[in-house]
Amino acid sequence: VGAGWIGCEVAAAARRHGASVTVIDPVDLPLRRVLGPRM
């Protein structure tokens, strides 16, 4: 729950370990508040 820096890094680590991962966020893009829509 959360598509900020920690959420994205946790997702990446979980996939490395072979877990199935779903990420939830009310914003329409990960990291949008920091990096904007294109990034």
PDB file of all heavy atoms in Angstrom:
ATOM      1  N   VAL A   1       0.864  -1.175   0.000  1.00  0.00           N
ATOM      2  CA  VAL A   1       0.000   0.000   0.000  1.00  0.00           C
ATOM      3  C   VAL A   1       0.904   1.228   0.000  1.00  0.00           C
ATOM      4  O   VAL A   1       1.586   1.515   0.979  1.00  0.00           O
ATOM      5  CB  VAL A   1      -0.925   0.016   1.224  1.00  0.00           C
ATOM      6  CG1 VAL A   1      -1.813   1.258   1.201  1.00  0.00           C
ATOM      7  CG2 VAL A   1      -1.770  -1.248   1.266  1.00  0.00           C
ATOM      8  N   GLY A   2       0.929   1.913  -1.121  1.00  0.00           N
ATOM      9  CA  GLY A   2       1.778   3.091  -1.256  1.00  0.00           C
ATOM     10  C   GLY A   2       2.784   2.916  -2.369  1.00  0.00           C
ATOM     11  O   GLY A   2       3.581   1.966  -2.353  1.00  0.00           O
ATOM     12  N   ALA A   3       2.768   3.838  -3.342  1.00  0.00           N
ATOM     13  CA  ALA A   3       3.659   3.747  -4.499  1.00  0.00           C
ATOM     14  C   ALA A   3       4.708   4.845  -4.470  1.00  0.00           C
ATOM     15  O   ALA A   3       5.062   5.411  -5.502  1.00  0.00           O
ATOM     16  CB  ALA A   3       2.852   3.819  -5.794  1.00  0.00           C
ATOM     17  N   GLY A   4       5.208   5.147  -3.260  1.00  0.00           N
ATOM     18  CA  GLY A   4       6.336   6.062  -3.127  1.00  0.00           C
ATOM     19  C   GLY A   4       7.643   5.298  -3.214  1.00  0.00           C
ATOM     20  O   GLY A   4       7.701   4.160  -3.689  1.00  0.00           O
ATOM     21  N   TRP A   5       8.709   5.909  -2.708  1.00  0.00           N
ATOM     22  CA  TRP A   5      10.029   5.277  -2.830  1.00  0.00           C
ATOM     23  C   TRP A   5      10.090   3.948  -2.091  1.00  0.00           C
ATOM     24  O   TRP A   5      10.556   2.948  -2.643  1.00  0.00           O
ATOM     25  CB  TRP A   5      11.117   6.227  -2.311  1.00  0.00           C
ATOM     26  CG  TRP A   5      11.244   7.460  -3.127  1.00  0.00           C
ATOM     27  CD1 TRP A   5      10.979   8.738  -2.757  1.00  0.00           C
ATOM     28  CD2 TRP A   5      11.650   7.533  -4.509  1.00  0.00           C
ATOM     29  NE1 TRP A   5      11.175   9.600  -3.797  1.00  0.00           N
ATOM     30  CE2 TRP A   5      11.595   8.899  -4.881  1.00  0.00           C
ATOM     31  CE3 TRP A   5      12.040   6.586  -5.450  1.00  0.00           C
ATOM     32  CZ2 TRP A   5      11.930   9.328  -6.162  1.00  0.00           C
ATOM     33  CZ3 TRP A   5      12.370   7.012  -6.729  1.00  0.00           C
ATOM     34  CH2 TRP A   5      12.314   8.354  -7.080  1.00  0.00           C
ATOM     35  N   ILE A   6       9.648   3.911  -0.836  1.00  0.00           N
ATOM     36  CA  ILE A   6       9.725   2.666  -0.081  1.00  0.00           C
ATOM     37  C   ILE A   6       8.828   1.605  -0.701  1.00  0.00           C
ATOM     38  O   ILE A   6       9.218   0.444  -0.868  1.00  0.00           O
ATOM     39  CB  ILE A   6       9.352   2.899   1.394  1.00  0.00           C
ATOM     40  CG1 ILE A   6      10.357   3.854   2.050  1.00  0.00           C
ATOM     41  CG2 ILE A   6       9.332   1.569   2.158  1.00  0.00           C
ATOM     42  CD1 ILE A   6      11.777   3.349   2.071  1.00  0.00           C
ATOM     43  N   GLY A   7       7.601   1.985  -1.067  1.00  0.00           N
ATOM     44  CA  GLY A   7       6.697   1.026  -1.679  1.00  0.00           C
ATOM     45  C   GLY A   7       7.266   0.431  -2.949  1.00  0.00           C
ATOM     46  O   GLY A   7       7.189  -0.788  -3.171  1.00  0.00           O
ATOM     47  N   CYS A   8       7.853   1.271  -3.798  1.00  0.00           N
ATOM     48  CA  CYS A   8       8.434   0.764  -5.049  1.00  0.00           C
ATOM     49  C   CYS A   8       9.642  -0.125  -4.787  1.00  0.00           C
ATOM     50  O   CYS A   8       9.819  -1.160  -5.454  1.00  0.00           O
ATOM     51  CB  CYS A   8       8.813   1.936  -5.948  1.00  0.00           C
ATOM     52  SG  CYS A   8       7.403   2.759  -6.733  1.00  0.00           S
ATOM     53  N   GLU A   9      10.476   0.232  -3.835  1.00  0.00           N
ATOM     54  CA  GLU A   9      11.651  -0.596  -3.549  1.00  0.00           C
ATOM     55  C   GLU A   9      11.255  -1.923  -2.912  1.00  0.00           C
ATOM     56  O   GLU A   9      11.864  -2.965  -3.204  1.00  0.00           O
ATOM     57  CB  GLU A   9      12.625   0.186  -2.671  1.00  0.00           C
ATOM     58  CG  GLU A   9      13.290   1.334  -3.420  1.00  0.00           C
ATOM     59  CD  GLU A   9      14.215   2.183  -2.583  1.00  0.00           C
ATOM     60  OE1 GLU A   9      14.305   1.963  -1.347  1.00  0.00           O
ATOM     61  OE2 GLU A   9      14.859   3.081  -3.149  1.00  0.00           O
ATOM     62  N   VAL A  10      10.249  -1.898  -2.053  1.00  0.00           N
ATOM     63  CA  VAL A  10       9.752  -3.155  -1.482  1.00  0.00           C
ATOM     64  C   VAL A  10       9.192  -4.045  -2.586  1.00  0.00           C
ATOM     65  O   VAL A  10       9.444  -5.260  -2.616  1.00  0.00           O
ATOM     66  CB  VAL A  10       8.680  -2.882  -0.407  1.00  0.00           C
ATOM     67  CG1 VAL A  10       7.941  -4.169  -0.036  1.00  0.00           C
ATOM     68  CG2 VAL A  10       9.320  -2.271   0.841  1.00  0.00           C
ATOM     69  N   ALA A  11       8.444  -3.460  -3.518  1.00  0.00           N
ATOM     70  CA  ALA A  11       7.896  -4.240  -4.630  1.00  0.00           C
ATOM     71  C   ALA A  11       9.010  -4.885  -5.447  1.00  0.00           C
ATOM     72  O   ALA A  11       8.919  -6.063  -5.823  1.00  0.00           O
ATOM     73  CB  ALA A  11       7.028  -3.345  -5.511  1.00  0.00           C
ATOM     74  N   ALA A  12      10.059  -4.125  -5.739  1.00  0.00           N
ATOM     75  CA  ALA A  12      11.173  -4.661  -6.519  1.00  0.00           C
ATOM     76  C   ALA A  12      11.860  -5.803  -5.786  1.00  0.00           C
ATOM     77  O   ALA A  12      12.212  -6.834  -6.387  1.00  0.00           O
ATOM     78  CB  ALA A  12      12.168  -3.545  -6.836  1.00  0.00           C
ATOM     79  N   ALA A  13      12.067  -5.647  -4.477  1.00  0.00           N
ATOM     80  CA  ALA A  13      12.705  -6.712  -3.700  1.00  0.00           C
ATOM     81  C   ALA A  13      11.816  -7.945  -3.643  1.00  0.00           C
ATOM     82  O   ALA A  13      12.306  -9.086  -3.766  1.00  0.00           O
ATOM     83  CB  ALA A  13      13.013  -6.212  -2.292  1.00  0.00           C
ATOM     84  N   ALA A  14      10.524  -7.748  -3.472  1.00  0.00           N
ATOM     85  CA  ALA A  14       9.605  -8.883  -3.410  1.00  0.00           C
ATOM     86  C   ALA A  14       9.611  -9.667  -4.716  1.00  0.00           C
ATOM     87  O   ALA A  14       9.575 -10.910  -4.725  1.00  0.00           O
ATOM     88  CB  ALA A  14       8.192  -8.394  -3.080  1.00  0.00           C
ATOM     89  N   ARG A  15       9.656  -8.965  -5.842  1.00  0.00           N
ATOM     90  CA  ARG A  15       9.721  -9.657  -7.124  1.00  0.00           C
ATOM     91  C   ARG A  15      11.043 -10.408  -7.270  1.00  0.00           C
ATOM     92  O   ARG A  15      11.072 -11.521  -7.811  1.00  0.00           O
ATOM     93  CB  ARG A  15       9.557  -8.656  -8.271  1.00  0.00           C
ATOM     94  CG  ARG A  15       8.170  -8.075  -8.397  1.00  0.00           C
ATOM     95  CD  ARG A  15       7.132  -9.162  -8.720  1.00  0.00           C
ATOM     96  NE  ARG A  15       7.413  -9.797  -9.997  1.00  0.00           N
ATOM     97  CZ  ARG A  15       7.335 -11.107 -10.221  1.00  0.00           C
ATOM     98  NH1 ARG A  15       6.989 -11.949  -9.246  1.00  0.00           N
ATOM     99  NH2 ARG A  15       7.609 -11.599 -11.413  1.00  0.00           N
ATOM    100  N   ARG A  16      12.130  -9.846  -6.767  1.00  0.00           N
ATOM    101  CA  ARG A  16      13.424 -10.552  -6.798  1.00  0.00           C
ATOM    102  C   ARG A  16      13.307 -11.894  -6.083  1.00  0.00           C
ATOM    103  O   ARG A  16      13.908 -12.890  -6.508  1.00  0.00           O
ATOM    104  CB  ARG A  16      14.503  -9.678  -6.150  1.00  0.00           C
ATOM    105  CG  ARG A  16      15.759 -10.429  -5.699  1.00  0.00           C
ATOM    106  CD  ARG A  16      16.774 -10.668  -6.795  1.00  0.00           C
ATOM    107  NE  ARG A  16      17.548  -9.462  -7.019  1.00  0.00           N
ATOM    108  CZ  ARG A  16      18.653  -9.140  -6.330  1.00  0.00           C
ATOM    109  NH1 ARG A  16      19.101  -9.944  -5.374  1.00  0.00           N
ATOM    110  NH2 ARG A  16      19.304  -8.042  -6.606  1.00  0.00           N
ATOM    111  N   HIS A  17      12.545 -11.928  -5.009  1.00  0.00           N
ATOM    112  CA  HIS A  17      12.403 -13.157  -4.228  1.00  0.00           C
ATOM    113  C   HIS A  17      11.324 -14.083  -4.783  1.00  0.00           C
ATOM    114  O   HIS A  17      11.066 -15.135  -4.190  1.00  0.00           O
ATOM    115  CB  HIS A  17      12.097 -12.812  -2.767  1.00  0.00           C
ATOM    116  CG  HIS A  17      13.242 -12.160  -2.048  1.00  0.00           C
ATOM    117  ND1 HIS A  17      14.430 -12.813  -1.791  1.00  0.00           N
ATOM    118  CD2 HIS A  17      13.387 -10.905  -1.542  1.00  0.00           C
ATOM    119  CE1 HIS A  17      15.251 -11.989  -1.151  1.00  0.00           C
ATOM    120  NE2 HIS A  17      14.640 -10.830  -0.990  1.00  0.00           N
ATOM    121  N   GLY A  18      10.689 -13.695  -5.877  1.00  0.00           N
ATOM    122  CA  GLY A  18       9.702 -14.564  -6.513  1.00  0.00           C
ATOM    123  C   GLY A  18       8.286 -14.405  -6.027  1.00  0.00           C
ATOM    124  O   GLY A  18       7.406 -15.211  -6.379  1.00  0.00           O
ATOM    125  N   ALA A  19       8.037 -13.393  -5.219  1.00  0.00           N
ATOM    126  CA  ALA A  19       6.674 -13.153  -4.732  1.00  0.00           C
ATOM    127  C   ALA A  19       5.829 -12.525  -5.832  1.00  0.00           C
ATOM    128  O   ALA A  19       6.342 -11.857  -6.731  1.00  0.00           O
ATOM    129  CB  ALA A  19       6.712 -12.236  -3.516  1.00  0.00           C
ATOM    130  N   SER A  20       4.522 -12.739  -5.761  1.00  0.00           N
ATOM    131  CA  SER A  20       3.596 -11.992  -6.618  1.00  0.00           C
ATOM    132  C   SER A  20       3.259 -10.699  -5.891  1.00  0.00           C
ATOM    133  O   SER A  20       3.038 -10.702  -4.677  1.00  0.00           O
ATOM    134  CB  SER A  20       2.340 -12.809  -6.906  1.00  0.00           C
ATOM    135  OG  SER A  20       1.596 -13.005  -5.714  1.00  0.00           O
ATOM    136  N   VAL A  21       3.228  -9.584  -6.623  1.00  0.00           N
ATOM    137  CA  VAL A  21       3.142  -8.271  -5.981  1.00  0.00           C
ATOM    138  C   VAL A  21       2.048  -7.434  -6.617  1.00  0.00           C
ATOM    139  O   VAL A  21       1.974  -7.308  -7.847  1.00  0.00           O
ATOM    140  CB  VAL A  21       4.483  -7.520  -6.093  1.00  0.00           C
ATOM    141  CG1 VAL A  21       4.380  -6.143  -5.438  1.00  0.00           C
ATOM    142  CG2 VAL A  21       5.611  -8.325  -5.465  1.00  0.00           C
ATOM    143  N   THR A  22       1.208  -6.845  -5.773  1.00  0.00           N
ATOM    144  CA  THR A  22       0.248  -5.836  -6.185  1.00  0.00           C
ATOM    145  C   THR A  22       0.513  -4.570  -5.374  1.00  0.00           C
ATOM    146  O   THR A  22       0.681  -4.642  -4.152  1.00  0.00           O
ATOM    147  CB  THR A  22      -1.196  -6.301  -5.947  1.00  0.00           C
ATOM    148  OG1 THR A  22      -1.432  -7.504  -6.686  1.00  0.00           O
ATOM    149  CG2 THR A  22      -2.194  -5.238  -6.403  1.00  0.00           C
ATOM    150  N   VAL A  23       0.571  -3.433  -6.056  1.00  0.00           N
ATOM    151  CA  VAL A  23       0.810  -2.151  -5.391  1.00  0.00           C
ATOM    152  C   VAL A  23      -0.415  -1.274  -5.561  1.00  0.00           C
ATOM    153  O   VAL A  23      -0.935  -1.110  -6.675  1.00  0.00           O
ATOM    154  CB  VAL A  23       2.049  -1.433  -5.961  1.00  0.00           C
ATOM    155  CG1 VAL A  23       2.277  -0.113  -5.222  1.00  0.00           C
ATOM    156  CG2 VAL A  23       3.289  -2.318  -5.851  1.00  0.00           C
ATOM    157  N   ILE A  24      -0.876  -0.694  -4.452  1.00  0.00           N
ATOM    158  CA  ILE A  24      -2.078   0.139  -4.408  1.00  0.00           C
ATOM    159  C   ILE A  24      -1.682   1.580  -4.098  1.00  0.00           C
ATOM    160  O   ILE A  24      -0.838   1.819  -3.223  1.00  0.00           O
ATOM    161  CB  ILE A  24      -3.042  -0.341  -3.311  1.00  0.00           C
ATOM    162  CG1 ILE A  24      -3.347  -1.828  -3.455  1.00  0.00           C
ATOM    163  CG2 ILE A  24      -4.307   0.486  -3.286  1.00  0.00           C
ATOM    164  CD1 ILE A  24      -3.966  -2.425  -2.206  1.00  0.00           C
ATOM    165  N   ASP A  25      -2.304   2.521  -4.795  1.00  0.00           N
ATOM    166  CA  ASP A  25      -2.107   3.928  -4.451  1.00  0.00           C
ATOM    167  C   ASP A  25      -3.266   4.743  -5.021  1.00  0.00           C
ATOM    168  O   ASP A  25      -3.679   4.505  -6.157  1.00  0.00           O
ATOM    169  CB  ASP A  25      -0.780   4.456  -5.003  1.00  0.00           C
ATOM    170  CG  ASP A  25      -0.331   5.723  -4.293  1.00  0.00           C
ATOM    171  OD1 ASP A  25      -0.982   6.761  -4.490  1.00  0.00           O
ATOM    172  OD2 ASP A  25       0.663   5.677  -3.553  1.00  0.00           O
ATOM    173  N   PRO A  26      -3.791   5.699  -4.255  1.00  0.00           N
ATOM    174  CA  PRO A  26      -4.885   6.522  -4.783  1.00  0.00           C
ATOM    175  C   PRO A  26      -4.446   7.466  -5.898  1.00  0.00           C
ATOM    176  O   PRO A  26      -5.289   7.962  -6.651  1.00  0.00           O
ATOM    177  CB  PRO A  26      -5.373   7.298  -3.560  1.00  0.00           C
ATOM    178  CG  PRO A  26      -4.222   7.292  -2.612  1.00  0.00           C
ATOM    179  CD  PRO A  26      -3.517   6.002  -2.841  1.00  0.00           C
ATOM    180  N   VAL A  27      -3.146   7.731  -6.014  1.00  0.00           N
ATOM    181  CA  VAL A  27      -2.637   8.568  -7.099  1.00  0.00           C
ATOM    182  C   VAL A  27      -2.534   7.713  -8.364  1.00  0.00           C
ATOM    183  O   VAL A  27      -2.310   6.505  -8.297  1.00  0.00           O
ATOM    184  CB  VAL A  27      -1.270   9.164  -6.714  1.00  0.00           C
ATOM    185  CG1 VAL A  27      -0.696  10.001  -7.843  1.00  0.00           C
ATOM    186  CG2 VAL A  27      -1.410  10.020  -5.452  1.00  0.00           C
ATOM    187  N   ASP A  28      -2.660   8.335  -9.523  1.00  0.00           N
ATOM    188  CA  ASP A  28      -2.746   7.575 -10.766  1.00  0.00           C
ATOM    189  C   ASP A  28      -1.415   7.074 -11.296  1.00  0.00           C
ATOM    190  O   ASP A  28      -1.383   6.261 -12.227  1.00  0.00           O
ATOM    191  CB  ASP A  28      -3.449   8.397 -11.859  1.00  0.00           C
ATOM    192  CG  ASP A  28      -2.685   9.667 -12.226  1.00  0.00           C
ATOM    193  OD1 ASP A  28      -1.777  10.071 -11.473  1.00  0.00           O
ATOM    194  OD2 ASP A  28      -3.006  10.271 -13.266  1.00  0.00           O
ATOM    195  N   LEU A  29      -0.297   7.528 -10.710  1.00  0.00           N
ATOM    196  CA  LEU A  29       1.030   7.085 -11.141  1.00  0.00           C
ATOM    197  C   LEU A  29       1.944   6.991  -9.931  1.00  0.00           C
ATOM    198  O   LEU A  29       1.850   7.815  -9.014  1.00  0.00           O
ATOM    199  CB  LEU A  29       1.646   8.066 -12.150  1.00  0.00           C
ATOM    200  CG  LEU A  29       1.038   8.097 -13.551  1.00  0.00           C
ATOM    201  CD1 LEU A  29       1.533   9.324 -14.307  1.00  0.00           C
ATOM    202  CD2 LEU A  29       1.381   6.821 -14.312  1.00  0.00           C
ATOM    203  N   PRO A  30       2.854   6.030  -9.901  1.00  0.00           N
ATOM    204  CA  PRO A  30       3.813   5.983  -8.801  1.00  0.00           C
ATOM    205  C   PRO A  30       4.718   7.202  -8.831  1.00  0.00           C
ATOM    206  O   PRO A  30       5.081   7.699  -9.905  1.00  0.00           O
ATOM    207  CB  PRO A  30       4.603   4.695  -9.077  1.00  0.00           C
ATOM    208  CG  PRO A  30       4.474   4.477 -10.552  1.00  0.00           C
ATOM    209  CD  PRO A  30       3.100   4.971 -10.902  1.00  0.00           C
ATOM    210  N   LEU A  31       5.050   7.704  -7.641  1.00  0.00           N
ATOM    211  CA  LEU A  31       6.033   8.777  -7.482  1.00  0.00           C
ATOM    212  C   LEU A  31       5.629  10.076  -8.178  1.00  0.00           C
ATOM    213  O   LEU A  31       6.455  10.965  -8.381  1.00  0.00           O
ATOM    214  CB  LEU A  31       7.411   8.320  -7.988  1.00  0.00           C
ATOM    215  CG  LEU A  31       7.960   7.074  -7.288  1.00  0.00           C
ATOM    216  CD1 LEU A  31       9.103   6.472  -8.079  1.00  0.00           C
ATOM    217  CD2 LEU A  31       8.406   7.417  -5.875  1.00  0.00           C
ATOM    218  N   ARG A  32       4.375  10.213  -8.539  1.00  0.00           N
ATOM    219  CA  ARG A  32       3.949  11.395  -9.287  1.00  0.00           C
ATOM    220  C   ARG A  32       4.200  12.691  -8.526  1.00  0.00           C
ATOM    221  O   ARG A  32       4.602  13.703  -9.110  1.00  0.00           O
ATOM    222  CB  ARG A  32       2.477  11.280  -9.663  1.00  0.00           C
ATOM    223  CG  ARG A  32       1.965  12.530 -10.363  1.00  0.00           C
ATOM    224  CD  ARG A  32       0.627  12.356 -11.005  1.00  0.00           C
ATOM    225  NE  ARG A  32       0.260  13.575 -11.729  1.00  0.00           N
ATOM    226  CZ  ARG A  32      -0.533  13.619 -12.767  1.00  0.00           C
ATOM    227  NH1 ARG A  32      -1.064  12.501 -13.238  1.00  0.00           N
ATOM    228  NH2 ARG A  32      -0.816  14.770 -13.354  1.00  0.00           N
ATOM    229  N   ARG A  33       3.945  12.686  -7.237  1.00  0.00           N
ATOM    230  CA  ARG A  33       4.091  13.929  -6.470  1.00  0.00           C
ATOM    231  C   ARG A  33       5.527  14.424  -6.483  1.00  0.00           C
ATOM    232  O   ARG A  33       5.775  15.629  -6.411  1.00  0.00           O
ATOM    233  CB  ARG A  33       3.622  13.708  -5.034  1.00  0.00           C
ATOM    234  CG  ARG A  33       2.127  13.448  -4.890  1.00  0.00           C
ATOM    235  CD  ARG A  33       1.707  13.433  -3.445  1.00  0.00           C
ATOM    236  NE  ARG A  33       0.289  13.180  -3.285  1.00  0.00           N
ATOM    237  CZ  ARG A  33      -0.226  11.984  -3.061  1.00  0.00           C
ATOM    238  NH1 ARG A  33       0.569  10.920  -2.969  1.00  0.00           N
ATOM    239  NH2 ARG A  33      -1.523  11.829  -2.910  1.00  0.00           N
ATOM    240  N   VAL A  34       6.484  13.517  -6.567  1.00  0.00           N
ATOM    241  CA  VAL A  34       7.902  13.902  -6.545  1.00  0.00           C
ATOM    242  C   VAL A  34       8.446  14.142  -7.941  1.00  0.00           C
ATOM    243  O   VAL A  34       9.208  15.090  -8.166  1.00  0.00           O
ATOM    244  CB  VAL A  34       8.737  12.808  -5.847  1.00  0.00           C
ATOM    245  CG1 VAL A  34      10.206  13.207  -5.801  1.00  0.00           C
ATOM    246  CG2 VAL A  34       8.211  12.538  -4.455  1.00  0.00           C
ATOM    247  N   LEU A  35       8.064  13.298  -8.898  1.00  0.00           N
ATOM    248  CA  LEU A  35       8.694  13.298 -10.214  1.00  0.00           C
ATOM    249  C   LEU A  35       7.791  13.790 -11.335  1.00  0.00           C
ATOM    250  O   LEU A  35       8.271  13.992 -12.460  1.00  0.00           O
ATOM    251  CB  LEU A  35       9.190  11.890 -10.554  1.00  0.00           C
ATOM    252  CG  LEU A  35      10.184  11.261  -9.579  1.00  0.00           C
ATOM    253  CD1 LEU A  35      10.570   9.880 -10.067  1.00  0.00           C
ATOM    254  CD2 LEU A  35      11.416  12.141  -9.400  1.00  0.00           C
ATOM    255  N   GLY A  36       6.505  13.936 -11.088  1.00  0.00           N
ATOM    256  CA  GLY A  36       5.609  14.364 -12.140  1.00  0.00           C
ATOM    257  C   GLY A  36       5.117  13.206 -12.990  1.00  0.00           C
ATOM    258  O   GLY A  36       5.558  12.063 -12.847  1.00  0.00           O
ATOM    259  N   PRO A  37       4.187  13.476 -13.922  1.00  0.00           N
ATOM    260  CA  PRO A  37       3.543  12.393 -14.655  1.00  0.00           C
ATOM    261  C   PRO A  37       4.455  11.615 -15.589  1.00  0.00           C
ATOM    262  O   PRO A  37       4.385  10.379 -15.647  1.00  0.00           O
ATOM    263  CB  PRO A  37       2.420  13.105 -15.421  1.00  0.00           C
ATOM    264  CG  PRO A  37       2.816  14.549 -15.460  1.00  0.00           C
ATOM    265  CD  PRO A  37       3.585  14.796 -14.208  1.00  0.00           C
ATOM    266  N   ARG A  38       5.317  12.294 -16.346  1.00  0.00           N
ATOM    267  CA  ARG A  38       6.118  11.555 -17.323  1.00  0.00           C
ATOM    268  C   ARG A  38       7.100  10.620 -16.641  1.00  0.00           C
ATOM    269  O   ARG A  38       7.277   9.472 -17.053  1.00  0.00           O
ATOM    270  CB  ARG A  38       6.863  12.514 -18.249  1.00  0.00           C
ATOM    271  CG  ARG A  38       7.534  11.776 -19.420  1.00  0.00           C
ATOM    272  CD  ARG A  38       8.169  12.714 -20.400  1.00  0.00           C
ATOM    273  NE  ARG A  38       8.813  11.976 -21.479  1.00  0.00           N
ATOM    274  CZ  ARG A  38       9.651  12.508 -22.354  1.00  0.00           C
ATOM    275  NH1 ARG A  38       9.934  13.800 -22.285  1.00  0.00           N
ATOM    276  NH2 ARG A  38      10.220  11.778 -23.291  1.00  0.00           N
ATOM    277  N   MET A  39       7.755  11.093 -15.607  1.00  0.00           N
ATOM    278  CA  MET A  39       8.693  10.225 -14.900  1.00  0.00           C
ATOM    279  C   MET A  39       7.955   9.163 -14.087  1.00  0.00           C
ATOM    280  O   MET A  39       8.452   8.050 -13.892  1.00  0.00           O
ATOM    281  CB  MET A  39       9.602  11.055 -13.981  1.00  0.00           C
ATOM    282  CG  MET A  39      10.557  11.979 -14.738  1.00  0.00           C
ATOM    283  SD  MET A  39      11.710  11.086 -15.807  1.00  0.00           S
ATOM    284  CE  MET A  39      11.016  11.412 -17.438  1.00  0.00           C
TER     285      MET A  39
END
